[in-house]
Amino acid sequence: MTDMTDMKNEKDLEGLDGQHNPASNHDDVFGELSEGGPNYRNVGWTGTAVLMMKSQLGLGVLSIPSVFNTLGIIPGVICLLVVATITTWSDYIVGIFKLNHRSVYSIDDAGGLMFGPIGREVFGFVFCVYWIFVAGSGMLSLSIALNAVSNHATCTAAYVAVAAIAGISFASIRTLGRISWLAWIGLVAIVTAVLIVTIAVGVQGRPVSAPQEGPWVSDYKLVGNPSFTEAISAVSSLIFAYAGTPGFFAIVSEMREPRYYTRSLLICQGTVTSIYIAVGCAVYYFCGSYVASPALGSAGSTMKKVSYGFAIPGLLVTTMLFVHLPGKYIFVRALRGSRHLTSNTIVHWSAWISCTFGVGVISYIIASAIPVFDSLVSLIGALLGTFMSFQPMGCMWLYDNWSKGKTERSPRWIAQVCWSVFVISIGTFMMVAGTYGSVVGIIESYNASGGSGAWSCADNSNSS
């Protein structure tokens, strides 16, 4: 009888993301979830997978061909697989840590457990800054798309403002359970857009920025010869392509059943890595050094309009998600333990709208102040992506497992300790070296007039 009941419960838990409002249900993070209020525990494992994929694929896939142009195809794929392996482990640790510590909602809670009040504040501050910068890059990318499909000479700064308004509006949807169906639309849209470009560059013979007269052969490189700053910036862009990790805390916290988290994670990382390799190699192979960044500008004016047209819903969902995550973090931390967190009160709505609006405005300022896509992506990946995706997860494993070595230091335990220390070390190196390379790249870009100025009206759709 018990086995039959367990099987029925498991079947119910494996359902899709339909509405589920229990009469009264206590959660270690949100408190009492009741009828009438927002249900913060309503994401199924399929919704979890698509939210994860959307947080990874949103912007990363648009910079992969440019990374391969810097590193070469072979080193590029190797570096991508290394980053994928490390971040998959980090993502896995997020789920395990959440199961071990149910009261953890975000990375600041993990920092508080490991390092006390100072750790909580440092991790929380970096988390907010990271997602605000990422949301800014999402707005920049969406403004590039709007500029690309428009035939009107509208100022790019105005398009960034439009992207910010749209992102803030959709980000104000209160729960990830309701956002997950939009994530499906966004995921299909962005994948369709990059497939259109991939097919187009293979069919048209040469990229639009290549010489259009005489014979032309792609100058792709199997092995590149970048400088240190170029190479480290390229690897930082790869880290950014997988740096949805800190957002996975919030996603697993809103799952109906967190024990299915690993299933969703494997689907996400396997799909994302396959798309990155396929799209990155194909686009770079056909375009060579003439590949555009973002990659959707590589196939000529007409195809650029078509691909960006398909991409706009995906980029909008990306921006929405990246505004929602830091807004939700601030909101939960401000009202945690209060009835206003899960009740439709004036305090609840005022705080929620203020959080998403504030995050959106700051992200808009960042997007307008650093309007160079590649430079912004590599800077975020280096300075903040590694610190959010590498070092904390190594520390989290050590926090939960270090005491086991006092009783029995098995070879497996020693290997896992070494791996955790390696992840912390490589993350610290990439944070310092990558930030240096990215800052140098931004300075060189402006010195060479390769990027537009802050709040400019230039078209950035072919920035590189």
Protein backbone atom coordinates (compact mmCIF):
# COMPACT_ATOMS: atom_id res chain seq x y z
CA MET A 1 0.00 0.00 0.00
CA THR A 2 2.83 2.38 0.89
CA ASP A 3 4.65 1.61 -2.38
CA MET A 4 1.50 2.40 -4.39
CA THR A 5 1.09 5.72 -2.55
CA ASP A 6 4.74 6.64 -3.17
CA MET A 7 4.37 5.82 -6.86
CA LYS A 8 1.27 8.01 -7.11
CA ASN A 9 3.03 10.90 -5.36
CA GLU A 10 6.06 10.57 -7.63
CA LYS A 11 3.82 10.58 -10.70
CA ASP A 12 2.13 13.75 -9.47
CA LEU A 13 5.49 15.40 -8.86
CA GLU A 14 6.66 14.62 -12.37
CA GLY A 15 3.79 16.57 -13.95
CA LEU A 16 4.31 19.61 -16.12
CA ASP A 17 4.02 23.17 -14.92
CA GLY A 18 0.30 23.49 -14.35
CA GLN A 19 -1.12 25.53 -11.52
CA HIS A 20 -0.91 23.97 -8.10
CA ASN A 21 -2.11 25.99 -5.12
CA PRO A 22 -2.25 24.00 -1.93
CA ALA A 23 -4.60 25.26 0.75
CA SER A 24 -1.66 25.66 3.11
CA ASN A 25 1.92 24.62 2.52
CA HIS A 26 4.97 25.69 4.51
CA ASP A 27 8.27 26.35 2.78
CA ASP A 28 11.58 26.94 4.57
CA VAL A 29 12.26 30.02 2.42
CA PHE A 30 8.88 31.55 1.62
CA GLY A 31 6.92 30.55 4.70
CA GLU A 32 3.22 29.69 4.37
CA LEU A 33 1.96 29.36 0.80
CA SER A 34 -1.81 29.78 0.80
CA GLU A 35 -4.74 30.24 -1.56
CA GLY A 36 -4.87 33.65 -3.19
CA GLY A 37 -1.17 34.48 -2.82
CA PRO A 38 1.65 33.76 -5.27
CA ASN A 39 2.72 30.11 -5.36
CA TYR A 40 6.51 30.18 -5.24
CA ARG A 41 6.80 26.37 -5.41
CA ASN A 42 5.25 25.63 -8.78
CA VAL A 43 8.06 24.78 -11.24
CA GLY A 44 8.24 21.18 -12.48
CA TRP A 45 11.40 19.49 -13.66
CA THR A 46 10.67 20.29 -17.32
CA GLY A 47 10.14 23.94 -16.48
CA THR A 48 13.36 23.86 -14.48
CA ALA A 49 15.28 22.51 -17.47
CA VAL A 50 13.97 25.19 -19.84
CA LEU A 51 14.62 28.01 -17.35
CA MET A 52 18.17 26.76 -16.95
CA MET A 53 18.70 26.52 -20.71
CA LYS A 54 17.27 30.00 -21.23
CA SER A 55 19.59 31.49 -18.62
CA GLN A 56 22.58 29.89 -20.37
CA LEU A 57 21.62 30.21 -24.03
CA GLY A 58 20.25 33.72 -23.79
CA LEU A 59 23.45 35.53 -24.71
CA GLY A 60 26.28 33.01 -24.65
CA VAL A 61 25.51 31.41 -28.00
CA LEU A 62 25.82 34.78 -29.78
CA SER A 63 29.48 35.15 -28.78
CA ILE A 64 30.75 31.58 -29.33
CA PRO A 65 31.78 31.97 -33.03
CA SER A 66 33.78 35.08 -32.14
CA VAL A 67 35.52 33.12 -29.37
CA PHE A 68 36.49 30.42 -31.88
CA ASN A 69 37.85 33.16 -34.16
CA THR A 70 40.20 34.21 -31.37
CA LEU A 71 41.26 30.78 -30.11
CA GLY A 72 40.84 28.61 -33.20
CA ILE A 73 38.36 25.76 -33.53
CA ILE A 74 40.32 23.05 -31.70
CA PRO A 75 41.44 25.09 -28.64
CA GLY A 76 38.02 26.77 -28.64
CA VAL A 77 36.14 23.48 -28.41
CA ILE A 78 38.55 22.15 -25.78
CA CYS A 79 38.18 25.27 -23.64
CA LEU A 80 34.41 25.14 -24.06
CA LEU A 81 34.27 21.53 -22.88
CA VAL A 82 36.51 22.31 -19.88
CA VAL A 83 34.29 25.23 -18.87
CA ALA A 84 31.19 23.06 -19.43
CA THR A 85 32.60 20.33 -17.16
CA ILE A 86 33.49 22.70 -14.33
CA THR A 87 30.21 24.60 -14.46
CA THR A 88 28.17 21.37 -14.65
CA TRP A 89 29.84 20.22 -11.44
CA SER A 90 29.20 23.64 -9.89
CA ASP A 91 25.55 23.51 -10.95
CA TYR A 92 25.25 20.02 -9.46
CA ILE A 93 26.66 21.25 -6.14
CA VAL A 94 23.99 23.98 -6.07
CA GLY A 95 21.26 21.31 -6.08
CA ILE A 96 22.99 19.15 -3.48
CA PHE A 97 23.59 22.12 -1.20
CA LYS A 98 19.94 23.13 -1.48
CA LEU A 99 18.80 19.63 -0.51
CA ASN A 100 21.18 19.64 2.46
CA HIS A 101 20.15 23.14 3.57
CA ARG A 102 16.49 23.74 2.71
CA SER A 103 16.49 27.29 4.09
CA VAL A 104 18.98 28.42 1.41
CA TYR A 105 17.31 30.60 -1.23
CA SER A 106 20.23 32.34 -2.90
CA ILE A 107 23.99 32.31 -2.93
CA ASP A 108 24.09 34.84 -0.09
CA ASP A 109 22.46 32.26 2.19
CA ALA A 110 25.21 29.81 1.25
CA GLY A 111 27.81 32.51 1.93
CA GLY A 112 26.24 33.16 5.32
CA LEU A 113 26.45 29.49 6.29
CA MET A 114 30.08 29.20 5.20
CA PHE A 115 31.53 32.59 6.17
CA GLY A 116 29.06 34.22 8.52
CA PRO A 117 27.41 37.65 8.20
CA ILE A 118 30.28 39.13 6.18
CA GLY A 119 30.09 36.25 3.70
CA ARG A 120 26.32 36.76 3.37
CA GLU A 121 26.71 40.46 2.56
CA VAL A 122 29.63 39.99 0.14
CA PHE A 123 27.96 37.18 -1.78
CA GLY A 124 24.64 39.00 -1.83
CA PHE A 125 26.21 42.20 -3.15
CA VAL A 126 28.17 40.42 -5.88
CA PHE A 127 25.07 38.40 -6.83
CA CYS A 128 23.04 41.56 -7.35
CA VAL A 129 25.79 43.34 -9.26
CA TYR A 130 26.36 40.30 -11.46
CA TRP A 131 22.73 39.89 -12.52
CA ILE A 132 22.27 43.62 -13.01
CA PHE A 133 25.25 43.62 -15.38
CA VAL A 134 23.90 40.52 -17.14
CA ALA A 135 20.49 42.17 -17.49
CA GLY A 136 22.28 45.17 -18.98
CA SER A 137 23.93 42.94 -21.57
CA GLY A 138 20.51 41.45 -22.32
CA MET A 139 19.08 44.91 -22.93
CA LEU A 140 22.04 45.77 -25.15
CA SER A 141 21.55 42.61 -27.18
CA LEU A 142 17.80 43.24 -27.50
CA SER A 143 18.46 46.83 -28.63
CA ILE A 144 20.85 45.49 -31.29
CA ALA A 145 18.07 43.19 -32.51
CA LEU A 146 15.54 46.02 -32.67
CA ASN A 147 18.04 48.17 -34.53
CA ALA A 148 18.77 45.36 -36.98
CA VAL A 149 15.15 44.74 -37.99
CA SER A 150 14.25 48.43 -38.21
CA ASN A 151 14.58 50.51 -41.36
CA HIS A 152 14.25 53.72 -39.38
CA ALA A 153 17.19 55.77 -38.12
CA THR A 154 16.18 55.48 -34.49
CA CYS A 155 18.85 56.21 -31.91
CA THR A 156 20.35 53.05 -30.39
CA ALA A 157 20.01 54.59 -26.94
CA ALA A 158 16.26 54.74 -27.55
CA TYR A 159 16.20 51.05 -28.42
CA VAL A 160 18.01 50.27 -25.17
CA ALA A 161 15.29 52.19 -23.36
CA VAL A 162 12.60 50.20 -25.19
CA ALA A 163 14.39 46.97 -24.23
CA ALA A 164 14.54 48.11 -20.61
CA ILE A 165 10.82 48.95 -20.46
CA ALA A 166 9.83 45.62 -22.03
CA GLY A 167 12.20 43.66 -19.78
CA ILE A 168 10.95 45.35 -16.61
CA SER A 169 7.32 44.80 -17.57
CA PHE A 170 7.65 41.05 -18.11
CA ALA A 171 10.09 40.62 -15.20
CA SER A 172 7.33 41.79 -12.87
CA ILE A 173 5.58 38.42 -13.28
CA ARG A 174 5.99 37.22 -9.71
CA THR A 175 6.79 33.50 -9.94
CA LEU A 176 9.08 31.35 -12.08
CA GLY A 177 6.22 28.89 -12.46
CA ARG A 178 4.38 31.48 -14.55
CA ILE A 179 7.54 32.56 -16.35
CA SER A 180 8.51 29.03 -17.42
CA TRP A 181 6.03 28.94 -20.32
CA LEU A 182 7.54 32.17 -21.63
CA ALA A 183 10.96 30.54 -21.33
CA TRP A 184 9.79 27.82 -23.75
CA ILE A 185 8.89 30.49 -26.29
CA GLY A 186 12.18 32.29 -25.74
CA LEU A 187 14.23 29.13 -26.05
CA VAL A 188 12.57 28.09 -29.32
CA ALA A 189 12.98 31.62 -30.68
CA ILE A 190 16.70 31.96 -29.97
CA VAL A 191 17.51 28.45 -31.21
CA THR A 192 15.55 29.10 -34.41
CA ALA A 193 17.42 32.36 -34.95
CA VAL A 194 20.89 30.82 -34.61
CA LEU A 195 19.92 27.87 -36.83
CA ILE A 196 18.76 30.30 -39.53
CA VAL A 197 22.13 32.06 -39.41
CA THR A 198 24.03 28.76 -39.36
CA ILE A 199 22.21 27.50 -42.46
CA ALA A 200 22.45 30.87 -44.22
CA VAL A 201 26.21 31.28 -43.84
CA GLY A 202 26.67 27.75 -45.18
CA VAL A 203 24.50 28.38 -48.25
CA GLN A 204 25.41 31.92 -49.27
CA GLY A 205 29.07 31.23 -50.04
CA ARG A 206 30.70 34.09 -48.13
CA PRO A 207 29.83 36.32 -45.14
CA VAL A 208 28.52 39.80 -45.83
CA SER A 209 31.62 41.55 -44.45
CA ALA A 210 34.02 39.53 -46.63
CA PRO A 211 35.22 40.84 -50.06
CA GLN A 212 32.29 40.38 -52.44
CA GLU A 213 34.34 40.23 -55.65
CA GLY A 214 36.67 37.49 -56.83
CA PRO A 215 37.22 34.03 -55.34
CA TRP A 216 36.93 33.73 -51.57
CA VAL A 217 37.85 30.95 -49.17
CA SER A 218 37.10 31.03 -45.47
CA ASP A 219 40.19 31.86 -43.42
CA TYR A 220 39.08 29.86 -40.39
CA LYS A 221 41.88 28.63 -38.11
CA LEU A 222 42.09 25.26 -36.47
CA VAL A 223 44.52 26.74 -33.94
CA GLY A 224 44.65 30.48 -33.33
CA ASN A 225 47.54 32.65 -32.19
CA PRO A 226 46.00 35.16 -29.78
CA SER A 227 47.81 37.36 -27.30
CA PHE A 228 47.37 36.61 -23.61
CA THR A 229 44.74 39.31 -23.15
CA GLU A 230 42.83 38.17 -26.24
CA ALA A 231 42.89 34.52 -25.15
CA ILE A 232 41.88 35.19 -21.57
CA SER A 233 39.05 37.48 -22.71
CA ALA A 234 37.80 34.77 -25.06
CA VAL A 235 37.77 32.18 -22.26
CA SER A 236 35.94 34.69 -20.08
CA SER A 237 33.25 34.88 -22.75
CA LEU A 238 32.94 31.07 -22.57
CA ILE A 239 32.52 31.30 -18.81
CA PHE A 240 29.79 33.88 -19.30
CA ALA A 241 28.07 31.47 -21.71
CA TYR A 242 27.69 29.00 -18.82
CA ALA A 243 27.39 31.46 -15.95
CA GLY A 244 23.71 30.97 -15.18
CA THR A 245 24.86 29.04 -12.09
CA PRO A 246 24.01 31.63 -9.40
CA GLY A 247 20.47 31.84 -10.77
CA PHE A 248 20.01 28.09 -10.30
CA PHE A 249 19.63 28.64 -6.55
CA ALA A 250 16.41 30.59 -7.14
CA ILE A 251 15.20 28.10 -9.75
CA VAL A 252 15.64 25.04 -7.52
CA SER A 253 14.02 26.95 -4.65
CA GLU A 254 10.83 27.30 -6.70
CA MET A 255 10.72 23.66 -7.83
CA ARG A 256 7.79 21.58 -6.65
CA GLU A 257 10.21 18.73 -5.99
CA PRO A 258 13.93 19.70 -5.80
CA ARG A 259 15.08 16.07 -5.93
CA TYR A 260 14.51 16.13 -9.70
CA TYR A 261 16.95 19.01 -10.07
CA THR A 262 19.86 16.87 -11.33
CA ARG A 263 17.71 15.45 -14.12
CA SER A 264 16.89 18.95 -15.32
CA LEU A 265 20.53 20.01 -15.02
CA LEU A 266 21.85 17.19 -17.21
CA ILE A 267 19.27 17.95 -19.90
CA CYS A 268 20.21 21.62 -19.76
CA GLN A 269 23.98 21.24 -19.91
CA GLY A 270 23.92 18.53 -22.56
CA THR A 271 21.62 20.53 -24.82
CA VAL A 272 23.42 23.84 -24.31
CA THR A 273 26.88 22.37 -24.93
CA SER A 274 25.75 20.61 -28.09
CA ILE A 275 24.22 23.82 -29.47
CA TYR A 276 27.30 25.86 -28.59
CA ILE A 277 29.65 23.47 -30.37
CA ALA A 278 27.46 22.95 -33.43
CA VAL A 279 26.61 26.62 -33.97
CA GLY A 280 30.04 27.93 -33.01
CA CYS A 281 31.94 25.57 -35.33
CA ALA A 282 29.56 25.90 -38.28
CA VAL A 283 29.29 29.70 -38.24
CA TYR A 284 33.02 30.21 -37.72
CA TYR A 285 33.94 27.60 -40.34
CA PHE A 286 31.96 29.41 -43.04
CA CYS A 287 32.71 32.98 -41.93
CA GLY A 288 36.28 32.81 -40.69
CA SER A 289 37.65 36.11 -39.41
CA TYR A 290 34.64 37.91 -40.91
CA VAL A 291 32.28 36.51 -38.29
CA ALA A 292 30.16 39.17 -36.62
CA SER A 293 29.55 39.47 -32.89
CA PRO A 294 26.74 39.01 -31.97
CA ALA A 295 26.79 36.12 -34.44
CA LEU A 296 23.35 36.87 -35.90
CA GLY A 297 24.86 39.66 -38.02
CA SER A 298 27.07 37.27 -40.03
CA ALA A 299 24.68 36.31 -42.83
CA GLY A 300 23.95 39.57 -44.62
CA SER A 301 21.35 42.29 -44.31
CA THR A 302 18.27 40.27 -45.24
CA MET A 303 19.10 37.21 -43.16
CA LYS A 304 20.17 39.44 -40.29
CA LYS A 305 16.70 40.96 -40.23
CA VAL A 306 15.09 37.52 -40.39
CA SER A 307 17.27 35.97 -37.70
CA TYR A 308 16.99 38.95 -35.37
CA GLY A 309 13.24 38.99 -35.97
CA PHE A 310 13.04 35.43 -34.67
CA ALA A 311 15.51 36.21 -31.89
CA ILE A 312 13.62 39.18 -30.43
CA PRO A 313 11.20 37.05 -28.32
CA GLY A 314 14.13 35.00 -27.06
CA LEU A 315 16.21 38.05 -26.18
CA LEU A 316 13.19 39.64 -24.50
CA VAL A 317 12.68 36.56 -22.32
CA THR A 318 16.40 36.59 -21.52
CA THR A 319 16.24 40.20 -20.40
CA MET A 320 13.07 39.49 -18.43
CA LEU A 321 14.66 36.56 -16.60
CA PHE A 322 17.85 38.48 -15.81
CA VAL A 323 15.88 41.39 -14.34
CA HIS A 324 13.55 39.02 -12.45
CA LEU A 325 16.30 37.09 -10.62
CA PRO A 326 18.03 39.99 -8.80
CA GLY A 327 14.67 41.70 -8.28
CA LYS A 328 13.29 38.54 -6.67
CA TYR A 329 16.40 38.18 -4.50
CA ILE A 330 16.08 41.71 -3.11
CA PHE A 331 12.34 41.24 -2.65
CA VAL A 332 12.65 37.92 -0.79
CA ARG A 333 15.42 39.19 1.44
CA ALA A 334 13.49 42.35 2.32
CA LEU A 335 10.21 40.57 3.17
CA ARG A 336 11.43 37.15 4.30
CA GLY A 337 9.66 36.06 7.47
CA SER A 338 6.86 38.56 6.87
CA ARG A 339 3.30 37.75 5.81
CA HIS A 340 3.74 40.29 3.02
CA LEU A 341 6.04 37.90 1.14
CA THR A 342 3.22 35.55 0.17
CA SER A 343 0.14 37.80 0.52
CA ASN A 344 -1.34 40.22 -2.00
CA THR A 345 -0.92 43.25 0.23
CA ILE A 346 -0.05 46.82 -0.73
CA VAL A 347 3.38 46.34 0.89
CA HIS A 348 3.90 43.18 -1.18
CA TRP A 349 3.07 44.79 -4.52
CA SER A 350 4.88 48.05 -3.77
CA ALA A 351 8.05 46.22 -2.79
CA TRP A 352 7.90 43.84 -5.74
CA ILE A 353 7.39 46.51 -8.40
CA SER A 354 10.05 48.71 -6.79
CA CYS A 355 12.58 45.86 -6.90
CA THR A 356 12.08 44.98 -10.57
CA PHE A 357 11.91 48.63 -11.61
CA GLY A 358 15.07 49.54 -9.69
CA VAL A 359 17.03 46.62 -11.11
CA GLY A 360 15.80 47.44 -14.62
CA VAL A 361 16.79 51.10 -14.43
CA ILE A 362 20.31 50.33 -13.19
CA SER A 363 20.71 47.67 -15.92
CA TYR A 364 19.60 50.22 -18.52
CA ILE A 365 22.29 52.64 -17.34
CA ILE A 366 24.94 49.91 -17.66
CA ALA A 367 23.75 48.88 -21.13
CA SER A 368 23.94 52.48 -22.32
CA ALA A 369 27.29 53.20 -20.69
CA ILE A 370 29.15 50.15 -22.11
CA PRO A 371 27.59 49.61 -25.57
CA VAL A 372 30.24 47.15 -26.88
CA PHE A 373 28.81 43.62 -26.88
CA ASP A 374 32.02 41.53 -26.84
CA SER A 375 33.71 43.70 -24.22
CA LEU A 376 30.69 43.69 -21.93
CA VAL A 377 30.28 39.91 -22.21
CA SER A 378 33.94 39.15 -21.44
CA LEU A 379 34.06 41.65 -18.56
CA ILE A 380 30.97 40.15 -16.90
CA GLY A 381 32.28 36.61 -17.41
CA ALA A 382 35.68 37.39 -15.95
CA LEU A 383 34.95 39.75 -13.07
CA LEU A 384 31.66 38.33 -11.83
CA GLY A 385 30.85 35.08 -13.66
CA THR A 386 33.78 33.13 -12.22
CA PHE A 387 33.24 34.43 -8.69
CA MET A 388 29.59 33.37 -8.87
CA SER A 389 30.11 30.02 -10.63
CA PHE A 390 33.45 28.59 -9.48
CA GLN A 391 34.81 29.53 -6.04
CA PRO A 392 31.59 29.37 -3.97
CA MET A 393 30.73 25.87 -5.20
CA GLY A 394 34.17 24.55 -4.30
CA CYS A 395 33.72 26.06 -0.85
CA MET A 396 30.21 24.60 -0.57
CA TRP A 397 31.45 21.07 -1.18
CA LEU A 398 34.22 21.53 1.38
CA TYR A 399 31.73 22.95 3.90
CA ASP A 400 29.47 19.90 3.65
CA ASN A 401 32.18 17.23 3.37
CA TRP A 402 35.37 18.40 5.09
CA SER A 403 34.40 16.81 8.41
CA LYS A 404 34.15 13.39 6.75
CA GLY A 405 37.92 13.39 6.31
CA LYS A 406 38.40 13.44 10.06
CA THR A 407 37.03 9.91 10.33
CA GLU A 408 38.11 8.34 7.04
CA ARG A 409 40.21 9.89 4.28
CA SER A 410 39.25 7.66 1.38
CA PRO A 411 40.81 8.09 -2.09
CA ARG A 412 37.47 9.39 -3.35
CA TRP A 413 37.29 12.01 -0.60
CA ILE A 414 40.87 13.12 -1.32
CA ALA A 415 40.14 13.37 -5.05
CA GLN A 416 37.03 15.46 -4.41
CA VAL A 417 38.95 17.77 -2.07
CA CYS A 418 41.62 18.24 -4.75
CA TRP A 419 38.95 18.96 -7.37
CA SER A 420 37.22 21.50 -5.13
CA VAL A 421 40.50 23.28 -4.44
CA PHE A 422 41.28 23.24 -8.18
CA VAL A 423 37.90 24.83 -8.99
CA ILE A 424 38.51 27.55 -6.39
CA SER A 425 42.03 28.17 -7.71
CA ILE A 426 41.17 28.26 -11.42
CA GLY A 427 38.20 30.49 -10.67
CA THR A 428 40.41 32.96 -8.79
CA PHE A 429 42.99 32.99 -11.60
CA MET A 430 40.34 33.54 -14.28
CA MET A 431 38.73 36.31 -12.24
CA VAL A 432 41.98 38.28 -11.95
CA ALA A 433 43.51 37.55 -15.36
CA GLY A 434 40.22 37.68 -17.22
CA THR A 435 39.26 41.03 -15.73
CA TYR A 436 42.64 42.44 -16.74
CA GLY A 437 42.24 41.14 -20.30
CA SER A 438 38.70 42.45 -20.59
CA VAL A 439 39.58 45.92 -19.32
CA VAL A 440 42.52 46.10 -21.73
CA GLY A 441 40.18 45.02 -24.53
CA ILE A 442 37.64 47.73 -23.69
CA ILE A 443 40.37 50.40 -23.60
CA GLU A 444 41.82 49.26 -26.92
CA SER A 445 38.35 49.16 -28.48
CA TYR A 446 37.66 52.76 -27.58
CA ASN A 447 41.16 53.94 -28.50
CA ALA A 448 40.74 52.39 -31.93
CA SER A 449 37.18 53.76 -32.23
CA GLY A 450 35.98 50.20 -32.54
CA GLY A 451 32.98 50.79 -30.30
CA SER A 452 30.40 53.48 -29.97
CA GLY A 453 30.33 55.94 -27.12
CA ALA A 454 28.04 55.81 -24.14
CA TRP A 455 24.41 56.75 -24.89
CA SER A 456 25.30 56.94 -28.59
CA CYS A 457 23.06 56.61 -31.64
CA ALA A 458 25.39 54.27 -33.54
CA ASP A 459 24.26 50.88 -34.84
CA ASN A 460 26.06 48.19 -32.80
CA SER A 461 24.64 45.23 -34.64
CA ASN A 462 27.98 44.41 -36.18
CA SER A 463 30.18 45.14 -33.23
CA SER A 464 33.14 42.90 -32.81
